[in-house]
């Protein structure tokens, strides 16, 4: 497994990390804990040593599953656990951002307990919280870092301006940002900032929530407890245009004896400012393509052809998100 220097860690980190949102089951139609643990242990055996999770993924369940899998696998010191902080909830239907110092110090102990560990390798603020001074959040994570409860400080979904403010208060080792072939809008802004300031990045949504696996067709539907049921990307004309693009991308991938998923991940790994790509899985067989992402590169001509396909097939841009992610507390009052 290809590895890279990341943050301030002594051990190099696999350039593909395992994402565990689906393992938590929430918004993915439930989960099978035994199968999920098998998936995690399969990932470790393949050489993946970074696993990314969050309290929100199944409201603690994903962290518990990760903790069990690592306890069974052993070698905790060789693995990188990345989890998140800064969300609060009353129910699966009422979630809001909360990155106050009080909330952070409560969440860290809950996560340590669920993950069965004495420290978290990478602690990331899940979403910016407009109701809490960013400096308060940064200072809280810096205190945890100084205490040894976390080994590196990260954020997620922070823009360049927010990162700049953060760095005036505390170290910033990484930012987790959305990136895939159909959603490249952050490459020239937030990824560029991270590259310029030597902040590592982790990409999420790299397979476009399954679209870039090539397993869907125009007859594919999703149940209401699957978040894709509500995403414009998987509905109507939007869905059909993305499927058409995937069909063309499959042909290009096949010319290299690769799957479209392998092509999509290789593309992401070659983008300027990208350090690590997350591969989401909840069944062991969903990891079969991972090793095929290594040991080769897309040529300049292939990269240009990929962009040409997207430009030709994706003619109806997705509607802009007015307020992506969970709402702020003030909006719920």
Protein backbone atom coordinates (compact mmCIF):
# COMPACT_ATOMS: atom_id res chain seq x y z
CA UNK A 1 0.00 0.00 0.00
CA UNK A 2 1.38 3.40 -1.04
CA UNK A 3 2.19 5.51 2.03
CA UNK A 4 3.03 9.16 2.57
CA UNK A 5 4.23 11.52 5.29
CA UNK A 6 1.18 13.04 6.96
CA UNK A 7 0.97 15.74 9.58
CA UNK A 8 3.43 15.25 12.41
CA UNK A 9 3.18 11.45 12.57
CA UNK A 10 6.34 9.35 12.70
CA UNK A 11 4.72 6.51 10.76
CA UNK A 12 3.80 7.09 7.14
CA UNK A 13 0.09 6.91 6.34
CA UNK A 14 -1.59 4.96 3.56
CA UNK A 15 -2.73 7.26 0.75
CA UNK A 16 -6.08 5.50 0.84
CA UNK A 17 -7.93 5.61 4.15
CA UNK A 18 -11.10 3.77 5.11
CA UNK A 19 -14.21 5.91 5.51
CA UNK A 20 -16.81 4.61 7.96
CA UNK A 21 -19.92 6.74 7.46
CA UNK A 22 -21.73 3.78 5.87
CA UNK A 23 -20.52 1.43 8.60
CA UNK A 24 -22.44 3.54 11.13
CA UNK A 25 -25.62 2.71 9.23
CA UNK A 26 -27.33 6.08 9.68
CA UNK A 27 -28.48 7.41 6.29
CA UNK A 28 -27.16 4.25 4.65
CA UNK A 29 -30.01 1.85 5.38
CA UNK A 30 -28.62 0.27 8.56
CA UNK A 31 -25.54 -1.80 9.27
CA UNK A 32 -24.31 -5.29 10.08
CA UNK A 33 -21.77 -5.00 12.90
CA UNK A 34 -20.08 -8.36 12.34
CA UNK A 35 -19.66 -7.68 8.63
CA UNK A 36 -18.45 -4.16 9.36
CA UNK A 37 -15.71 -5.45 11.68
CA UNK A 38 -14.69 -7.94 8.99
CA UNK A 39 -14.51 -5.04 6.53
CA UNK A 40 -12.26 -3.01 8.83
CA UNK A 41 -9.94 -5.91 9.49
CA UNK A 42 -9.75 -6.67 5.77
CA UNK A 43 -8.75 -3.05 5.16
CA UNK A 44 -5.99 -3.31 7.77
CA UNK A 45 -4.73 -6.53 6.19
CA UNK A 46 -4.56 -4.76 2.81
CA UNK A 47 -2.24 -2.19 4.32
CA UNK A 48 -4.67 0.63 5.02
CA UNK A 49 -3.59 2.18 8.31
CA UNK A 50 -5.88 5.22 8.52
CA UNK A 51 -9.52 4.85 9.45
CA UNK A 52 -11.78 7.91 9.47
CA UNK A 53 -14.90 8.01 11.59
CA UNK A 54 -17.11 10.40 13.59
CA UNK A 55 -19.58 10.35 16.48
CA UNK A 56 -22.36 11.31 14.06
CA UNK A 57 -21.89 8.14 12.02
CA UNK A 58 -24.57 6.05 13.64
CA UNK A 59 -24.52 8.31 16.72
CA UNK A 60 -21.55 6.56 18.25
CA UNK A 61 -22.01 3.19 16.57
CA UNK A 62 -19.29 3.63 13.93
CA UNK A 63 -16.76 4.61 16.59
CA UNK A 64 -17.73 1.58 18.68
CA UNK A 65 -17.32 -0.74 15.68
CA UNK A 66 -13.93 0.79 14.86
CA UNK A 67 -12.88 0.34 18.48
CA UNK A 68 -13.89 -3.32 18.48
CA UNK A 69 -12.17 -4.00 15.16
CA UNK A 70 -8.89 -2.44 16.30
CA UNK A 71 -9.01 -4.28 19.61
CA UNK A 72 -9.43 -7.57 17.75
CA UNK A 73 -6.78 -6.71 15.17
CA UNK A 74 -4.17 -5.39 17.60
CA UNK A 75 -1.21 -3.19 16.59
CA UNK A 76 -2.99 -0.04 17.76
CA UNK A 77 0.26 1.95 17.63
CA UNK A 78 0.58 1.27 13.88
CA UNK A 79 -2.90 2.56 13.05
CA UNK A 80 -4.11 6.13 12.61
CA UNK A 81 -7.55 6.81 14.08
CA UNK A 82 -9.14 9.96 12.72
CA UNK A 83 -12.41 11.03 14.25
CA UNK A 84 -14.36 14.26 14.55
CA UNK A 85 -15.95 16.67 16.99
CA UNK A 86 -18.40 19.54 17.00
CA UNK A 87 -21.87 18.13 16.37
CA UNK A 88 -24.68 17.62 18.87
CA UNK A 89 -28.01 15.87 18.49
CA UNK A 90 -31.30 15.10 20.19
CA UNK A 91 -32.40 12.55 17.58
CA UNK A 92 -31.41 11.44 14.08
CA UNK A 93 -33.68 14.20 12.81
CA UNK A 94 -32.35 16.99 15.00
CA UNK A 95 -28.61 17.58 14.68
CA UNK A 96 -26.75 20.85 14.98
CA UNK A 97 -23.23 22.24 15.10
CA UNK A 98 -21.65 22.84 18.48
CA UNK A 99 -17.91 23.48 18.69
CA UNK A 100 -17.85 25.15 22.08
CA UNK A 101 -15.03 24.28 24.44
CA UNK A 102 -17.51 22.56 26.77
CA UNK A 103 -18.87 20.36 23.99
CA UNK A 104 -15.40 19.45 22.73
CA UNK A 105 -14.19 18.35 26.16
CA UNK A 106 -17.32 16.24 26.58
CA UNK A 107 -17.00 14.62 23.16
CA UNK A 108 -13.34 13.71 23.44
CA UNK A 109 -13.97 11.48 26.45
CA UNK A 110 -16.98 9.84 24.78
CA UNK A 111 -14.95 9.12 21.64
CA UNK A 112 -11.98 7.75 23.57
CA UNK A 113 -14.32 5.39 25.40
CA UNK A 114 -16.09 4.19 22.26
CA UNK A 115 -12.81 3.77 20.36
CA UNK A 116 -11.17 1.92 23.28
CA UNK A 117 -8.05 4.03 23.07
CA UNK A 118 -6.08 6.44 25.26
CA UNK A 119 -5.47 8.93 22.47
CA UNK A 120 -6.88 9.96 19.09
CA UNK A 121 -4.36 10.39 16.29
CA UNK A 122 -6.24 13.03 14.28
CA UNK A 123 -9.07 15.05 15.81
CA UNK A 124 -11.10 17.03 13.28
CA UNK A 125 -13.78 19.70 13.72
CA UNK A 126 -16.58 18.23 11.62
CA UNK A 127 -18.10 21.52 10.38
CA UNK A 128 -17.40 25.20 11.12
CA UNK A 129 -19.72 26.44 13.85
CA UNK A 130 -20.91 30.01 13.12
CA UNK A 131 -22.29 30.37 16.66
CA UNK A 132 -18.96 29.71 18.39
CA UNK A 133 -15.87 31.90 17.97
CA UNK A 134 -13.46 29.94 15.82
CA UNK A 135 -10.67 30.93 18.19
CA UNK A 136 -12.45 29.22 21.10
CA UNK A 137 -12.63 25.98 19.12
CA UNK A 138 -9.00 26.20 18.02
CA UNK A 139 -7.80 26.84 21.57
CA UNK A 140 -9.77 23.87 22.88
CA UNK A 141 -8.18 21.48 20.36
CA UNK A 142 -4.75 22.95 21.05
CA UNK A 143 -5.24 22.22 24.76
CA UNK A 144 -6.16 18.60 23.97
CA UNK A 145 -3.07 18.40 21.78
CA UNK A 146 -0.86 19.73 24.57
CA UNK A 147 -2.45 17.24 27.00
CA UNK A 148 -1.62 14.33 24.69
CA UNK A 149 -5.23 13.27 24.17
CA UNK A 150 -4.85 13.97 20.44
CA UNK A 151 -1.72 13.71 18.30
CA UNK A 152 -2.72 16.01 15.45
CA UNK A 153 -5.25 18.78 14.87
CA UNK A 154 -7.59 18.76 11.90
CA UNK A 155 -10.68 20.43 10.53
CA UNK A 156 -13.25 19.42 7.94
CA UNK A 157 -15.17 21.57 5.48
CA UNK A 158 -13.24 24.71 6.46
CA UNK A 159 -12.56 27.29 3.77
CA UNK A 160 -9.33 29.24 3.25
CA UNK A 161 -10.41 32.21 5.34
CA UNK A 162 -11.36 29.96 8.27
CA UNK A 163 -8.08 28.07 8.03
CA UNK A 164 -6.17 31.34 8.06
CA UNK A 165 -7.91 32.43 11.26
CA UNK A 166 -7.31 29.03 12.85
CA UNK A 167 -3.59 29.09 12.17
CA UNK A 168 -3.22 32.32 14.14
CA UNK A 169 -4.36 30.45 17.28
CA UNK A 170 -3.30 26.81 16.94
CA UNK A 171 -1.45 24.40 14.64
CA UNK A 172 -3.47 22.96 11.77
CA UNK A 173 -2.29 19.65 10.38
CA UNK A 174 -5.09 18.74 7.99
CA UNK A 175 -8.41 19.60 6.39
CA UNK A 176 -10.95 17.04 5.16
CA UNK A 177 -12.72 18.27 2.04
CA UNK A 178 -15.15 16.96 -0.56
CA UNK A 179 -13.67 15.98 -3.91
CA UNK A 180 -14.67 13.74 -6.77
CA UNK A 181 -14.77 13.88 -10.55
CA UNK A 182 -18.22 15.49 -10.45
CA UNK A 183 -17.49 17.90 -7.58
CA UNK A 184 -14.17 19.61 -8.22
CA UNK A 185 -15.14 23.11 -7.08
CA UNK A 186 -12.71 23.24 -4.13
CA UNK A 187 -9.55 22.36 -6.04
CA UNK A 188 -8.61 25.92 -6.94
CA UNK A 189 -9.55 27.39 -3.58
CA UNK A 190 -9.34 25.34 -0.39
CA UNK A 191 -7.07 22.58 -1.73
CA UNK A 192 -4.82 25.26 -3.23
CA UNK A 193 -4.61 27.01 0.14
CA UNK A 194 -3.69 23.75 1.87
CA UNK A 195 -0.99 23.05 -0.71
CA UNK A 196 0.49 26.52 -0.36
CA UNK A 197 0.57 26.36 3.44
CA UNK A 198 1.65 22.71 3.74
CA UNK A 199 -1.61 21.54 5.31
CA UNK A 200 -2.39 17.92 4.49
CA UNK A 201 -5.78 17.01 3.08
CA UNK A 202 -8.16 14.07 3.20
CA UNK A 203 -10.84 13.80 0.53
CA UNK A 204 -14.33 12.48 1.18
CA UNK A 205 -17.06 11.57 -1.29
CA UNK A 206 -14.31 10.50 -3.70
CA UNK A 207 -16.49 7.85 -5.34
CA UNK A 208 -19.46 10.25 -5.43
CA UNK A 209 -21.37 8.17 -2.86
CA UNK A 210 -21.18 5.09 -5.09
CA UNK A 211 -21.85 6.72 -8.48
CA UNK A 212 -18.23 6.24 -9.53
CA UNK A 213 -18.27 2.54 -8.72
CA UNK A 214 -20.19 2.03 -11.97
CA UNK A 215 -22.74 -0.22 -10.26
CA UNK A 216 -25.82 1.95 -10.81
CA UNK A 217 -28.10 2.33 -13.83
CA UNK A 218 -31.22 4.31 -14.73
CA UNK A 219 -33.39 1.78 -12.88
CA UNK A 220 -31.48 2.09 -9.60
CA UNK A 221 -33.53 3.46 -6.70
CA UNK A 222 -32.72 4.14 -3.06
CA UNK A 223 -34.89 3.65 0.05
CA UNK A 224 -35.93 6.66 2.10
CA UNK A 225 -33.50 5.79 4.91
CA UNK A 226 -30.60 6.14 2.43
CA UNK A 227 -29.32 9.71 2.11
CA UNK A 228 -28.99 9.30 -1.65
CA UNK A 229 -32.79 9.22 -1.89
CA UNK A 230 -32.73 12.96 -1.18
CA UNK A 231 -29.60 14.01 -3.10
CA UNK A 232 -30.21 15.78 -6.43
CA UNK A 233 -27.19 13.90 -7.81
CA UNK A 234 -29.26 10.69 -7.73
CA UNK A 235 -32.52 12.06 -9.09
CA UNK A 236 -34.02 12.78 -12.50
CA UNK A 237 -31.94 14.50 -15.17
CA UNK A 238 -28.99 14.95 -12.82
CA UNK A 239 -28.72 11.20 -12.22
CA UNK A 240 -29.02 10.34 -15.92
CA UNK A 241 -26.26 12.73 -16.98
CA UNK A 242 -23.89 11.39 -14.34
CA UNK A 243 -24.66 7.82 -15.41
CA UNK A 244 -23.85 8.79 -19.00
CA UNK A 245 -20.53 10.23 -17.88
CA UNK A 246 -19.75 7.08 -15.88
CA UNK A 247 -20.41 4.93 -18.95
CA UNK A 248 -17.78 6.89 -20.90
CA UNK A 249 -15.35 6.86 -17.99
CA UNK A 250 -15.74 3.08 -17.83
CA UNK A 251 -14.46 2.82 -21.40
CA UNK A 252 -11.41 4.91 -20.59
CA UNK A 253 -10.75 2.87 -17.46
CA UNK A 254 -11.09 -0.38 -19.41
CA UNK A 255 -8.38 0.81 -21.82
CA UNK A 256 -6.02 0.67 -18.83
CA UNK A 257 -7.55 -2.59 -17.57
CA UNK A 258 -8.97 -0.71 -14.60
CA UNK A 259 -12.41 -0.19 -13.07
CA UNK A 260 -14.06 3.22 -13.07
CA UNK A 261 -13.63 3.35 -9.28
CA UNK A 262 -9.88 2.80 -9.65
CA UNK A 263 -9.73 5.52 -12.28
CA UNK A 264 -11.69 7.96 -10.09
CA UNK A 265 -9.44 7.39 -7.08
CA UNK A 266 -6.26 7.58 -9.17
CA UNK A 267 -7.50 10.90 -10.57
CA UNK A 268 -8.05 12.24 -7.05
CA UNK A 269 -4.65 11.07 -5.86
CA UNK A 270 -3.00 12.97 -8.71
CA UNK A 271 -4.68 16.28 -7.93
CA UNK A 272 -2.50 19.05 -6.54
CA UNK A 273 -2.98 19.44 -2.81
CA UNK A 274 -4.46 15.98 -2.20
CA UNK A 275 -2.70 13.87 0.43
CA UNK A 276 -5.13 11.06 1.31
CA UNK A 277 -8.29 9.75 -0.32
CA UNK A 278 -11.05 8.04 1.66
CA UNK A 279 -12.60 4.84 0.34
CA UNK A 280 -15.93 4.10 1.99
CA UNK A 281 -16.94 0.49 2.47
CA UNK A 282 -19.15 -1.61 4.69
CA UNK A 283 -18.61 -5.01 3.06
CA UNK A 284 -15.19 -6.67 2.54
CA UNK A 285 -15.80 -7.19 -1.18
CA UNK A 286 -16.13 -3.42 -1.62
CA UNK A 287 -12.38 -3.25 -0.96
CA UNK A 288 -11.43 -5.54 -3.83
CA UNK A 289 -10.48 -2.71 -6.19
CA UNK A 290 -8.22 -0.82 -3.81
CA UNK A 291 -4.87 -2.39 -4.68
CA UNK A 292 -5.56 -1.69 -8.35
CA UNK A 293 -5.30 2.04 -7.68
CA UNK A 294 -1.57 1.76 -7.07
CA UNK A 295 1.50 1.50 -9.24
CA UNK A 296 0.26 3.51 -12.21
CA UNK A 297 -0.65 7.05 -13.18
CA UNK A 298 -3.04 8.72 -15.58
CA UNK A 299 -1.25 10.48 -18.40
CA UNK A 300 -1.78 14.13 -19.26
CA UNK A 301 -3.85 13.02 -22.26
CA UNK A 302 -6.00 10.75 -20.09
CA UNK A 303 -6.57 13.51 -17.55
CA UNK A 304 -7.65 15.80 -20.38
CA UNK A 305 -9.97 13.11 -21.76
CA UNK A 306 -11.57 12.66 -18.33
CA UNK A 307 -12.31 16.36 -18.14
CA UNK A 308 -13.65 16.34 -21.69
CA UNK A 309 -16.07 13.54 -20.81
CA UNK A 310 -17.34 15.43 -17.79
CA UNK A 311 -17.72 18.67 -19.73
CA UNK A 312 -19.64 16.92 -22.52
CA UNK A 313 -21.91 14.74 -20.40
CA UNK A 314 -22.53 16.84 -17.29
CA UNK A 315 -24.41 19.73 -18.87
CA UNK A 316 -26.80 20.40 -15.99
CA UNK A 317 -24.83 21.62 -12.95
CA UNK A 318 -26.01 20.54 -9.54
CA UNK A 319 -27.96 23.25 -7.69
CA UNK A 320 -25.80 25.10 -5.15
CA UNK A 321 -26.25 24.11 -1.53
CA UNK A 322 -27.58 27.02 0.49
CA UNK A 323 -26.40 25.59 3.80
CA UNK A 324 -24.52 22.31 3.43
CA UNK A 325 -24.14 20.14 6.47
CA UNK A 326 -26.03 20.29 9.78
CA UNK A 327 -27.58 23.62 10.78
CA UNK A 328 -26.19 26.05 13.34
CA UNK A 329 -27.84 26.13 16.77
CA UNK A 330 -29.16 29.64 16.18
CA UNK A 331 -31.17 28.51 13.16
CA UNK A 332 -33.08 26.01 15.32
CA UNK A 333 -34.32 28.55 17.82
